Amino acid sequence: RRSLDEVMATGTPDSQARFGQSVKGLLTEKVNTCGTDVIALTKQVLKGSRSSELLGQAARNMVLQEDAILHSEDSLRKMAIITTHLQYQQEAIQKNVEQSSDLQDQLNHLL
């Protein structure tokens, strides 16, 4: 078996040129493939950062929606309390009206 140096040394100039061309071709192909891989990887990284940005926005929107829901629930509770209070007031006024009309009837009977 001969070493690469021996082949290069004993080979004709034509075979050396072919060998050089094939090595150059392989290296060029590898460089181009690496370039393509780097571009694809860069696109993935950019897409990933965009995805994380969108996830962050979605999380912020969820927090805002939760706050809005809690606020509306709080408002509903307050409205329920106010409504109940108004109902009690209305019932009290109704009783006063009934009592005053009863009192008026009694006074009319006395007169």
PDB file of N, CA and C in Angstrom:
ATOM      1  N   ARG A   1       0.842  -1.187   0.000  1.00  0.00           N
ATOM      2  CA  ARG A   1       0.000   0.000   0.000  1.00  0.00           C
ATOM      3  C   ARG A   1       0.881   1.242   0.000  1.00  0.00           C
ATOM      4  N   ARG A   2       0.489   2.160  -0.786  1.00  0.00           N
ATOM      5  CA  ARG A   2       1.266   3.402  -0.887  1.00  0.00           C
ATOM      6  C   ARG A   2       0.557   4.506  -0.120  1.00  0.00           C
ATOM      7  N   SER A   3       1.334   5.428   0.401  1.00  0.00           N
ATOM      8  CA  SER A   3       0.735   6.565   1.109  1.00  0.00           C
ATOM      9  C   SER A   3       0.240   7.578   0.088  1.00  0.00           C
ATOM     10  N   LEU A   4      -0.528   8.535   0.591  1.00  0.00           N
ATOM     11  CA  LEU A   4      -1.078   9.585  -0.273  1.00  0.00           C
ATOM     12  C   LEU A   4       0.048  10.391  -0.913  1.00  0.00           C
ATOM     13  N   ASP A   5       1.117  10.635  -0.126  1.00  0.00           N
ATOM     14  CA  ASP A   5       2.255  11.406  -0.658  1.00  0.00           C
ATOM     15  C   ASP A   5       2.913  10.666  -1.821  1.00  0.00           C
ATOM     16  N   GLU A   6       3.036   9.335  -1.680  1.00  0.00           N
ATOM     17  CA  GLU A   6       3.662   8.551  -2.745  1.00  0.00           C
ATOM     18  C   GLU A   6       2.810   8.619  -4.007  1.00  0.00           C
ATOM     19  N   VAL A   7       1.464   8.505  -3.841  1.00  0.00           N
ATOM     20  CA  VAL A   7       0.577   8.569  -5.004  1.00  0.00           C
ATOM     21  C   VAL A   7       0.718   9.930  -5.672  1.00  0.00           C
ATOM     22  N   MET A   8       0.738  10.970  -4.829  1.00  0.00           N
ATOM     23  CA  MET A   8       0.856  12.327  -5.371  1.00  0.00           C
ATOM     24  C   MET A   8       2.205  12.492  -6.084  1.00  0.00           C
ATOM     25  N   ALA A   9       3.252  11.904  -5.477  1.00  0.00           N
ATOM     26  CA  ALA A   9       4.594  12.077  -6.040  1.00  0.00           C
ATOM     27  C   ALA A   9       4.760  11.293  -7.341  1.00  0.00           C
ATOM     28  N   THR A  10       4.211  10.082  -7.362  1.00  0.00           N
ATOM     29  CA  THR A  10       4.409   9.241  -8.549  1.00  0.00           C
ATOM     30  C   THR A  10       3.348   9.470  -9.608  1.00  0.00           C
ATOM     31  N   GLY A  11       2.232  10.110  -9.219  1.00  0.00           N
ATOM     32  CA  GLY A  11       1.144  10.322 -10.172  1.00  0.00           C
ATOM     33  C   GLY A  11       1.522  11.324 -11.244  1.00  0.00           C
ATOM     34  N   THR A  12       0.841  11.216 -12.339  1.00  0.00           N
ATOM     35  CA  THR A  12       1.087  12.140 -13.438  1.00  0.00           C
ATOM     36  C   THR A  12       0.490  13.495 -13.075  1.00  0.00           C
ATOM     37  N   PRO A  13       0.943  14.552 -13.714  1.00  0.00           N
ATOM     38  CA  PRO A  13       0.361  15.877 -13.449  1.00  0.00           C
ATOM     39  C   PRO A  13      -1.141  15.883 -13.706  1.00  0.00           C
ATOM     40  N   ASP A  14      -1.568  15.080 -14.675  1.00  0.00           N
ATOM     41  CA  ASP A  14      -2.999  15.038 -15.006  1.00  0.00           C
ATOM     42  C   ASP A  14      -3.806  14.434 -13.854  1.00  0.00           C
ATOM     43  N   SER A  15      -3.305  13.320 -13.290  1.00  0.00           N
ATOM     44  CA  SER A  15      -4.026  12.679 -12.178  1.00  0.00           C
ATOM     45  C   SER A  15      -3.989  13.585 -10.948  1.00  0.00           C
ATOM     46  N   GLN A  16      -2.910  14.285 -10.721  1.00  0.00           N
ATOM     47  CA  GLN A  16      -2.836  15.233  -9.595  1.00  0.00           C
ATOM     48  C   GLN A  16      -3.862  16.346  -9.752  1.00  0.00           C
ATOM     49  N   ALA A  17      -4.007  16.822 -10.961  1.00  0.00           N
ATOM     50  CA  ALA A  17      -4.967  17.902 -11.226  1.00  0.00           C
ATOM     51  C   ALA A  17      -6.387  17.407 -10.974  1.00  0.00           C
ATOM     52  N   ARG A  18      -6.662  16.139 -11.427  1.00  0.00           N
ATOM     53  CA  ARG A  18      -7.996  15.575 -11.198  1.00  0.00           C
ATOM     54  C   ARG A  18      -8.268  15.408  -9.708  1.00  0.00           C
ATOM     55  N   PHE A  19      -7.248  14.922  -8.990  1.00  0.00           N
ATOM     56  CA  PHE A  19      -7.376  14.736  -7.543  1.00  0.00           C
ATOM     57  C   PHE A  19      -7.661  16.083  -6.863  1.00  0.00           C
ATOM     58  N   GLY A  20      -6.912  17.124  -7.264  1.00  0.00           N
ATOM     59  CA  GLY A  20      -7.110  18.472  -6.717  1.00  0.00           C
ATOM     60  C   GLY A  20      -8.508  18.984  -6.993  1.00  0.00           C
ATOM     61  N   GLN A  21      -8.967  18.752  -8.226  1.00  0.00           N
ATOM     62  CA  GLN A  21     -10.312  19.192  -8.607  1.00  0.00           C
ATOM     63  C   GLN A  21     -11.383  18.484  -7.776  1.00  0.00           C
ATOM     64  N   SER A  22     -11.230  17.166  -7.564  1.00  0.00           N
ATOM     65  CA  SER A  22     -12.242  16.420  -6.802  1.00  0.00           C
ATOM     66  C   SER A  22     -12.246  16.867  -5.339  1.00  0.00           C
ATOM     67  N   VAL A  23     -11.054  17.125  -4.773  1.00  0.00           N
ATOM     68  CA  VAL A  23     -10.972  17.629  -3.388  1.00  0.00           C
ATOM     69  C   VAL A  23     -11.632  18.999  -3.303  1.00  0.00           C
ATOM     70  N   LYS A  24     -11.306  19.857  -4.258  1.00  0.00           N
ATOM     71  CA  LYS A  24     -11.899  21.200  -4.297  1.00  0.00           C
ATOM     72  C   LYS A  24     -13.419  21.107  -4.419  1.00  0.00           C
ATOM     73  N   GLY A  25     -13.881  20.196  -5.296  1.00  0.00           N
ATOM     74  CA  GLY A  25     -15.324  20.002  -5.483  1.00  0.00           C
ATOM     75  C   GLY A  25     -15.995  19.555  -4.197  1.00  0.00           C
ATOM     76  N   LEU A  26     -15.384  18.572  -3.509  1.00  0.00           N
ATOM     77  CA  LEU A  26     -15.941  18.082  -2.239  1.00  0.00           C
ATOM     78  C   LEU A  26     -16.001  19.188  -1.195  1.00  0.00           C
ATOM     79  N   LEU A  27     -14.908  19.946  -1.086  1.00  0.00           N
ATOM     80  CA  LEU A  27     -14.864  21.036  -0.102  1.00  0.00           C
ATOM     81  C   LEU A  27     -15.910  22.106  -0.414  1.00  0.00           C
ATOM     82  N   THR A  28     -16.024  22.457  -1.697  1.00  0.00           N
ATOM     83  CA  THR A  28     -17.015  23.459  -2.109  1.00  0.00           C
ATOM     84  C   THR A  28     -18.421  22.984  -1.752  1.00  0.00           C
ATOM     85  N   GLU A  29     -18.672  21.697  -2.038  1.00  0.00           N
ATOM     86  CA  GLU A  29     -19.991  21.116  -1.733  1.00  0.00           C
ATOM     87  C   GLU A  29     -20.264  21.176  -0.223  1.00  0.00           C
ATOM     88  N   LYS A  30     -19.228  20.809   0.564  1.00  0.00           N
ATOM     89  CA  LYS A  30     -19.379  20.842   2.023  1.00  0.00           C
ATOM     90  C   LYS A  30     -19.639  22.266   2.521  1.00  0.00           C
ATOM     91  N   VAL A  31     -18.911  23.241   2.000  1.00  0.00           N
ATOM     92  CA  VAL A  31     -19.085  24.641   2.394  1.00  0.00           C
ATOM     93  C   VAL A  31     -20.494  25.119   2.057  1.00  0.00           C
ATOM     94  N   ASN A  32     -20.937  24.771   0.842  1.00  0.00           N
ATOM     95  CA  ASN A  32     -22.294  25.162   0.423  1.00  0.00           C
ATOM     96  C   ASN A  32     -23.354  24.527   1.323  1.00  0.00           C
ATOM     97  N   THR A  33     -23.154  23.238   1.652  1.00  0.00           N
ATOM     98  CA  THR A  33     -24.093  22.535   2.534  1.00  0.00           C
ATOM     99  C   THR A  33     -24.119  23.189   3.912  1.00  0.00           C
ATOM    100  N   CYS A  34     -22.920  23.500   4.420  1.00  0.00           N
ATOM    101  CA  CYS A  34     -22.839  24.174   5.732  1.00  0.00           C
ATOM    102  C   CYS A  34     -23.539  25.534   5.679  1.00  0.00           C
ATOM    103  N   GLY A  35     -23.330  26.259   4.597  1.00  0.00           N
ATOM    104  CA  GLY A  35     -23.987  27.563   4.429  1.00  0.00           C
ATOM    105  C   GLY A  35     -25.494  27.428   4.452  1.00  0.00           C
ATOM    106  N   THR A  36     -25.986  26.422   3.726  1.00  0.00           N
ATOM    107  CA  THR A  36     -27.431  26.168   3.697  1.00  0.00           C
ATOM    108  C   THR A  36     -27.932  25.803   5.089  1.00  0.00           C
ATOM    109  N   ASP A  37     -27.155  24.953   5.798  1.00  0.00           N
ATOM    110  CA  ASP A  37     -27.531  24.552   7.165  1.00  0.00           C
ATOM    111  C   ASP A  37     -27.562  25.757   8.103  1.00  0.00           C
ATOM    112  N   VAL A  38     -26.573  26.635   7.962  1.00  0.00           N
ATOM    113  CA  VAL A  38     -26.518  27.839   8.814  1.00  0.00           C
ATOM    114  C   VAL A  38     -27.730  28.728   8.554  1.00  0.00           C
ATOM    115  N   ILE A  39     -28.097  28.879   7.291  1.00  0.00           N
ATOM    116  CA  ILE A  39     -29.276  29.691   6.937  1.00  0.00           C
ATOM    117  C   ILE A  39     -30.532  29.071   7.535  1.00  0.00           C
ATOM    118  N   ALA A  40     -30.678  27.743   7.386  1.00  0.00           N
ATOM    119  CA  ALA A  40     -31.850  27.046   7.925  1.00  0.00           C
ATOM    120  C   ALA A  40     -31.905  27.194   9.446  1.00  0.00           C
ATOM    121  N   LEU A  41     -30.735  27.042  10.090  1.00  0.00           N
ATOM    122  CA  LEU A  41     -30.661  27.166  11.547  1.00  0.00           C
ATOM    123  C   LEU A  41     -31.010  28.583  11.990  1.00  0.00           C
ATOM    124  N   THR A  42     -30.506  29.580  11.263  1.00  0.00           N
ATOM    125  CA  THR A  42     -30.819  30.976  11.574  1.00  0.00           C
ATOM    126  C   THR A  42     -32.320  31.227  11.475  1.00  0.00           C
ATOM    127  N   LYS A  43     -32.932  30.673  10.415  1.00  0.00           N
ATOM    128  CA  LYS A  43     -34.388  30.824  10.255  1.00  0.00           C
ATOM    129  C   LYS A  43     -35.123  30.202  11.433  1.00  0.00           C
ATOM    130  N   GLN A  44     -34.656  29.013  11.864  1.00  0.00           N
ATOM    131  CA  GLN A  44     -35.293  28.332  12.996  1.00  0.00           C
ATOM    132  C   GLN A  44     -35.155  29.164  14.276  1.00  0.00           C
ATOM    133  N   VAL A  45     -33.962  29.722  14.475  1.00  0.00           N
ATOM    134  CA  VAL A  45     -33.721  30.548  15.674  1.00  0.00           C
ATOM    135  C   VAL A  45     -34.633  31.766  15.666  1.00  0.00           C
ATOM    136  N   LEU A  46     -34.722  32.425  14.505  1.00  0.00           N
ATOM    137  CA  LEU A  46     -35.595  33.595  14.380  1.00  0.00           C
ATOM    138  C   LEU A  46     -37.050  33.214  14.606  1.00  0.00           C
ATOM    139  N   LYS A  47     -37.439  32.068  14.026  1.00  0.00           N
ATOM    140  CA  LYS A  47     -38.809  31.588  14.201  1.00  0.00           C
ATOM    141  C   LYS A  47     -39.065  31.282  15.679  1.00  0.00           C
ATOM    142  N   GLY A  48     -38.059  30.683  16.326  1.00  0.00           N
ATOM    143  CA  GLY A  48     -38.165  30.372  17.753  1.00  0.00           C
ATOM    144  C   GLY A  48     -38.314  31.613  18.604  1.00  0.00           C
ATOM    145  N   SER A  49     -37.523  32.652  18.294  1.00  0.00           N
ATOM    146  CA  SER A  49     -37.619  33.893  19.072  1.00  0.00           C
ATOM    147  C   SER A  49     -38.973  34.560  18.827  1.00  0.00           C
ATOM    148  N   ARG A  50     -39.469  34.443  17.591  1.00  0.00           N
ATOM    149  CA  ARG A  50     -40.796  34.988  17.269  1.00  0.00           C
ATOM    150  C   ARG A  50     -41.871  34.221  18.035  1.00  0.00           C
ATOM    151  N   SER A  51     -41.709  32.895  18.111  1.00  0.00           N
ATOM    152  CA  SER A  51     -42.670  32.067  18.844  1.00  0.00           C
ATOM    153  C   SER A  51     -42.688  32.441  20.316  1.00  0.00           C
ATOM    154  N   SER A  52     -41.501  32.640  20.893  1.00  0.00           N
ATOM    155  CA  SER A  52     -41.455  32.994  22.317  1.00  0.00           C
ATOM    156  C   SER A  52     -42.058  34.373  22.540  1.00  0.00           C
ATOM    157  N   GLU A  53     -41.852  35.271  21.576  1.00  0.00           N
ATOM    158  CA  GLU A  53     -42.455  36.612  21.659  1.00  0.00           C
ATOM    159  C   GLU A  53     -43.990  36.501  21.635  1.00  0.00           C
ATOM    160  N   LEU A  54     -44.494  35.659  20.717  1.00  0.00           N
ATOM    161  CA  LEU A  54     -45.942  35.461  20.621  1.00  0.00           C
ATOM    162  C   LEU A  54     -46.485  34.796  21.878  1.00  0.00           C
ATOM    163  N   LEU A  55     -45.737  33.845  22.431  1.00  0.00           N
ATOM    164  CA  LEU A  55     -46.157  33.198  23.681  1.00  0.00           C
ATOM    165  C   LEU A  55     -46.213  34.215  24.817  1.00  0.00           C
ATOM    166  N   GLY A  56     -45.229  35.108  24.851  1.00  0.00           N
ATOM    167  CA  GLY A  56     -45.226  36.167  25.872  1.00  0.00           C
ATOM    168  C   GLY A  56     -46.438  37.066  25.742  1.00  0.00           C
ATOM    169  N   GLN A  57     -46.761  37.434  24.493  1.00  0.00           N
ATOM    170  CA  GLN A  57     -47.951  38.265  24.260  1.00  0.00           C
ATOM    171  C   GLN A  57     -49.217  37.543  24.697  1.00  0.00           C
ATOM    172  N   ALA A  58     -49.309  36.257  24.377  1.00  0.00           N
ATOM    173  CA  ALA A  58     -50.488  35.464  24.755  1.00  0.00           C
ATOM    174  C   ALA A  58     -50.621  35.402  26.268  1.00  0.00           C
ATOM    175  N   ALA A  59     -49.484  35.227  26.960  1.00  0.00           N
ATOM    176  CA  ALA A  59     -49.506  35.176  28.427  1.00  0.00           C
ATOM    177  C   ALA A  59     -49.970  36.513  29.007  1.00  0.00           C
ATOM    178  N   ARG A  60     -49.451  37.618  28.425  1.00  0.00           N
ATOM    179  CA  ARG A  60     -49.867  38.947  28.908  1.00  0.00           C
ATOM    180  C   ARG A  60     -51.364  39.157  28.668  1.00  0.00           C
ATOM    181  N   ASN A  61     -51.845  38.725  27.501  1.00  0.00           N
ATOM    182  CA  ASN A  61     -53.284  38.847  27.196  1.00  0.00           C
ATOM    183  C   ASN A  61     -54.126  38.046  28.166  1.00  0.00           C
ATOM    184  N   MET A  62     -53.652  36.839  28.519  1.00  0.00           N
ATOM    185  CA  MET A  62     -54.386  36.009  29.475  1.00  0.00           C
ATOM    186  C   MET A  62     -54.481  36.688  30.836  1.00  0.00           C
ATOM    187  N   VAL A  63     -53.372  37.303  31.262  1.00  0.00           N
ATOM    188  CA  VAL A  63     -53.366  38.009  32.549  1.00  0.00           C
ATOM    189  C   VAL A  63     -54.360  39.169  32.514  1.00  0.00           C
ATOM    190  N   LEU A  64     -54.352  39.911  31.408  1.00  0.00           N
ATOM    191  CA  LEU A  64     -55.295  41.029  31.266  1.00  0.00           C
ATOM    192  C   LEU A  64     -56.740  40.539  31.285  1.00  0.00           C
ATOM    193  N   GLN A  65     -56.993  39.420  30.599  1.00  0.00           N
ATOM    194  CA  GLN A  65     -58.351  38.872  30.576  1.00  0.00           C
ATOM    195  C   GLN A  65     -58.779  38.406  31.966  1.00  0.00           C
ATOM    196  N   GLU A  66     -57.850  37.758  32.686  1.00  0.00           N
ATOM    197  CA  GLU A  66     -58.160  37.317  34.053  1.00  0.00           C
ATOM    198  C   GLU A  66     -58.485  38.519  34.933  1.00  0.00           C
ATOM    199  N   ASP A  67     -57.686  39.589  34.800  1.00  0.00           N
ATOM    200  CA  ASP A  67     -57.949  40.809  35.572  1.00  0.00           C
ATOM    201  C   ASP A  67     -59.330  41.363  35.242  1.00  0.00           C
ATOM    202  N   ALA A  68     -59.656  41.390  33.946  1.00  0.00           N
ATOM    203  CA  ALA A  68     -60.961  41.914  33.517  1.00  0.00           C
ATOM    204  C   ALA A  68     -62.093  41.060  34.081  1.00  0.00           C
ATOM    205  N   ILE A  69     -61.911  39.730  34.063  1.00  0.00           N
ATOM    206  CA  ILE A  69     -62.942  38.824  34.595  1.00  0.00           C
ATOM    207  C   ILE A  69     -63.113  39.052  36.098  1.00  0.00           C
ATOM    208  N   LEU A  70     -61.988  39.141  36.817  1.00  0.00           N
ATOM    209  CA  LEU A  70     -62.062  39.376  38.267  1.00  0.00           C
ATOM    210  C   LEU A  70     -62.739  40.712  38.560  1.00  0.00           C
ATOM    211  N   HIS A  71     -62.406  41.725  37.767  1.00  0.00           N
ATOM    212  CA  HIS A  71     -62.995  43.049  37.944  1.00  0.00           C
ATOM    213  C   HIS A  71     -64.504  42.999  37.696  1.00  0.00           C
ATOM    214  N   SER A  72     -64.915  42.281  36.630  1.00  0.00           N
ATOM    215  CA  SER A  72     -66.344  42.195  36.318  1.00  0.00           C
ATOM    216  C   SER A  72     -67.082  41.392  37.389  1.00  0.00           C
ATOM    217  N   GLU A  73     -66.437  40.326  37.909  1.00  0.00           N
ATOM    218  CA  GLU A  73     -67.054  39.552  38.996  1.00  0.00           C
ATOM    219  C   GLU A  73     -67.230  40.432  40.233  1.00  0.00           C
ATOM    220  N   ASP A  74     -66.219  41.234  40.521  1.00  0.00           N
ATOM    221  CA  ASP A  74     -66.285  42.153  41.659  1.00  0.00           C
ATOM    222  C   ASP A  74     -67.429  43.156  41.451  1.00  0.00           C
ATOM    223  N   SER A  75     -67.521  43.677  40.223  1.00  0.00           N
ATOM    224  CA  SER A  75     -68.594  44.629  39.903  1.00  0.00           C
ATOM    225  C   SER A  75     -69.964  43.967  40.044  1.00  0.00           C
ATOM    226  N   LEU A  76     -70.078  42.717  39.595  1.00  0.00           N
ATOM    227  CA  LEU A  76     -71.344  41.992  39.720  1.00  0.00           C
ATOM    228  C   LEU A  76     -71.726  41.806  41.188  1.00  0.00           C
ATOM    229  N   ARG A  77     -70.733  41.476  42.032  1.00  0.00           N
ATOM    230  CA  ARG A  77     -71.010  41.326  43.469  1.00  0.00           C
ATOM    231  C   ARG A  77     -71.507  42.643  44.066  1.00  0.00           C
ATOM    232  N   LYS A  78     -70.844  43.734  43.699  1.00  0.00           N
ATOM    233  CA  LYS A  78     -71.260  45.052  44.197  1.00  0.00           C
ATOM    234  C   LYS A  78     -72.676  45.386  43.740  1.00  0.00           C
ATOM    235  N   MET A  79     -72.953  45.079  42.461  1.00  0.00           N
ATOM    236  CA  MET A  79     -74.300  45.343  41.926  1.00  0.00           C
ATOM    237  C   MET A  79     -75.354  44.525  42.679  1.00  0.00           C
ATOM    238  N   ALA A  80     -75.016  43.269  42.993  1.00  0.00           N
ATOM    239  CA  ALA A  80     -75.955  42.401  43.717  1.00  0.00           C
ATOM    240  C   ALA A  80     -76.240  42.976  45.106  1.00  0.00           C
ATOM    241  N   ILE A  81     -75.191  43.473  45.770  1.00  0.00           N
ATOM    242  CA  ILE A  81     -75.359  44.072  47.107  1.00  0.00           C
ATOM    243  C   ILE A  81     -76.248  45.306  47.017  1.00  0.00           C
ATOM    244  N   ILE A  82     -75.969  46.165  46.024  1.00  0.00           N
ATOM    245  CA  ILE A  82     -76.764  47.396  45.845  1.00  0.00           C
ATOM    246  C   ILE A  82     -78.218  47.049  45.547  1.00  0.00           C
ATOM    247  N   THR A  83     -78.428  46.054  44.649  1.00  0.00           N
ATOM    248  CA  THR A  83     -79.788  45.647  44.294  1.00  0.00           C
ATOM    249  C   THR A  83     -80.546  45.140  45.522  1.00  0.00           C
ATOM    250  N   THR A  84     -79.887  44.295  46.316  1.00  0.00           N
ATOM    251  CA  THR A  84     -80.508  43.778  47.548  1.00  0.00           C
ATOM    252  C   THR A  84     -80.861  44.923  48.490  1.00  0.00           C
ATOM    253  N   HIS A  85     -79.944  45.857  48.638  1.00  0.00           N
ATOM    254  CA  HIS A  85     -80.170  47.018  49.507  1.00  0.00           C
ATOM    255  C   HIS A  85     -81.377  47.834  49.026  1.00  0.00           C
ATOM    256  N   LEU A  86     -81.452  48.050  47.706  1.00  0.00           N
ATOM    257  CA  LEU A  86     -82.579  48.796  47.136  1.00  0.00           C
ATOM    258  C   LEU A  86     -83.903  48.053  47.342  1.00  0.00           C
ATOM    259  N   GLN A  87     -83.864  46.727  47.228  1.00  0.00           N
ATOM    260  CA  GLN A  87     -85.081  45.938  47.462  1.00  0.00           C
ATOM    261  C   GLN A  87     -85.564  46.101  48.909  1.00  0.00           C
ATOM    262  N   TYR A  88     -84.612  46.057  49.850  1.00  0.00           N
ATOM    263  CA  TYR A  88     -84.977  46.262  51.267  1.00  0.00           C
ATOM    264  C   TYR A  88     -85.581  47.648  51.477  1.00  0.00           C
ATOM    265  N   GLN A  89     -84.949  48.648  50.840  1.00  0.00           N
ATOM    266  CA  GLN A  89     -85.479  50.011  50.968  1.00  0.00           C
ATOM    267  C   GLN A  89     -86.892  50.110  50.396  1.00  0.00           C
ATOM    268  N   GLN A  90     -87.099  49.482  49.243  1.00  0.00           N
ATOM    269  CA  GLN A  90     -88.417  49.513  48.600  1.00  0.00           C
ATOM    270  C   GLN A  90     -89.464  48.837  49.496  1.00  0.00           C
ATOM    271  N   GLU A  91     -89.091  47.709  50.089  1.00  0.00           N
ATOM    272  CA  GLU A  91     -90.013  47.001  50.991  1.00  0.00           C
ATOM    273  C   GLU A  91     -90.339  47.866  52.213  1.00  0.00           C
ATOM    274  N   ALA A  92     -89.322  48.550  52.737  1.00  0.00           N
ATOM    275  CA  ALA A  92     -89.535  49.413  53.911  1.00  0.00           C
ATOM    276  C   ALA A  92     -90.471  50.565  53.563  1.00  0.00           C
ATOM    277  N   ILE A  93     -90.259  51.156  52.383  1.00  0.00           N
ATOM    278  CA  ILE A  93     -91.124  52.268  51.944  1.00  0.00           C
ATOM    279  C   ILE A  93     -92.557  51.757  51.770  1.00  0.00           C
ATOM    280  N   GLN A  94     -92.695  50.582  51.158  1.00  0.00           N
ATOM    281  CA  GLN A  94     -94.017  49.988  50.945  1.00  0.00           C
ATOM    282  C   GLN A  94     -94.738  49.768  52.284  1.00  0.00           C
ATOM    283  N   LYS A  95     -94.003  49.270  53.286  1.00  0.00           N
ATOM    284  CA  LYS A  95     -94.592  49.055  54.614  1.00  0.00           C
ATOM    285  C   LYS A  95     -95.020  50.379  55.227  1.00  0.00           C
ATOM    286  N   ASN A  96     -94.174  51.411  55.088  1.00  0.00           N
ATOM    287  CA  ASN A  96     -94.512  52.737  55.624  1.00  0.00           C
ATOM    288  C   ASN A  96     -95.788  53.278  54.983  1.00  0.00           C
ATOM    289  N   VAL A  97     -95.893  53.090  53.651  1.00  0.00           N
ATOM    290  CA  VAL A  97     -97.080  53.559  52.937  1.00  0.00           C
ATOM    291  C   VAL A  97     -98.322  52.826  53.456  1.00  0.00           C
ATOM    292  N   GLU A  98     -98.184  51.497  53.596  1.00  0.00           N
ATOM    293  CA  GLU A  98     -99.315  50.707  54.097  1.00  0.00           C
ATOM    294  C   GLU A  98     -99.701  51.133  55.513  1.00  0.00           C
ATOM    295  N   GLN A  99     -98.701  51.339  56.372  1.00  0.00           N
ATOM    296  CA  GLN A  99     -98.981  51.742  57.749  1.00  0.00           C
ATOM    297  C   GLN A  99     -99.633  53.122  57.805  1.00  0.00           C
ATOM    298  N   SER A 100     -99.124  54.023  56.958  1.00  0.00           N
ATOM    299  CA  SER A 100     -99.699  55.372  56.975  1.00  0.00           C
ATOM    300  C   SER A 100    -101.141  55.354  56.449  1.00  0.00           C
ATOM    301  N   SER A 101    -101.425  54.510  55.464  1.00  0.00           N
ATOM    302  CA  SER A 101    -102.798  54.428  54.962  1.00  0.00           C
ATOM    303  C   SER A 101    -103.698  53.766  56.010  1.00  0.00           C
ATOM    304  N   ASP A 102    -103.170  52.779  56.724  1.00  0.00           N
ATOM    305  CA  ASP A 102    -103.925  52.169  57.824  1.00  0.00           C
ATOM    306  C   ASP A 102    -104.219  53.212  58.899  1.00  0.00           C
ATOM    307  N   LEU A 103    -103.220  54.011  59.195  1.00  0.00           N
ATOM    308  CA  LEU A 103    -103.376  55.064  60.226  1.00  0.00           C
ATOM    309  C   LEU A 103    -104.399  56.096  59.780  1.00  0.00           C
ATOM    310  N   GLN A 104    -104.347  56.425  58.502  1.00  0.00           N
ATOM    311  CA  GLN A 104    -105.299  57.390  57.947  1.00  0.00           C
ATOM    312  C   GLN A 104    -106.741  56.833  58.025  1.00  0.00           C
ATOM    313  N   ASP A 105    -106.887  55.545  57.709  1.00  0.00           N
ATOM    314  CA  ASP A 105    -108.191  54.899  57.812  1.00  0.00           C
ATOM    315  C   ASP A 105    -108.719  54.936  59.245  1.00  0.00           C
ATOM    316  N   GLN A 106    -107.821  54.656  60.182  1.00  0.00           N
ATOM    317  CA  GLN A 106    -108.218  54.662  61.607  1.00  0.00           C
ATOM    318  C   GLN A 106    -108.648  56.083  62.034  1.00  0.00           C
ATOM    319  N   LEU A 107    -107.887  57.073  61.562  1.00  0.00           N
ATOM    320  CA  LEU A 107    -108.221  58.450  61.911  1.00  0.00           C
ATOM    321  C   LEU A 107    -109.565  58.837  61.301  1.00  0.00           C
ATOM    322  N   ASN A 108    -109.807  58.414  60.076  1.00  0.00           N
ATOM    323  CA  ASN A 108    -111.086  58.705  59.417  1.00  0.00           C
ATOM    324  C   ASN A 108    -112.247  58.064  60.178  1.00  0.00           C
ATOM    325  N   HIS A 109    -112.031  56.869  60.713  1.00  0.00           N
ATOM    326  CA  HIS A 109    -113.080  56.221  61.491  1.00  0.00           C
ATOM    327  C   HIS A 109    -113.364  56.970  62.781  1.00  0.00           C
ATOM    328  N   LEU A 110    -112.294  57.529  63.350  1.00  0.00           N
ATOM    329  CA  LEU A 110    -112.468  58.262  64.600  1.00  0.00           C
ATOM    330  C   LEU A 110    -113.218  59.574  64.374  1.00  0.00           C
ATOM    331  N   LEU A 111    -113.005  60.171  63.215  1.00  0.00           N
ATOM    332  CA  LEU A 111    -113.633  61.466  62.940  1.00  0.00           C
ATOM    333  C   LEU A 111    -114.992  61.189  62.453  1.00  0.00           C
TER     334      LEU A 111
END
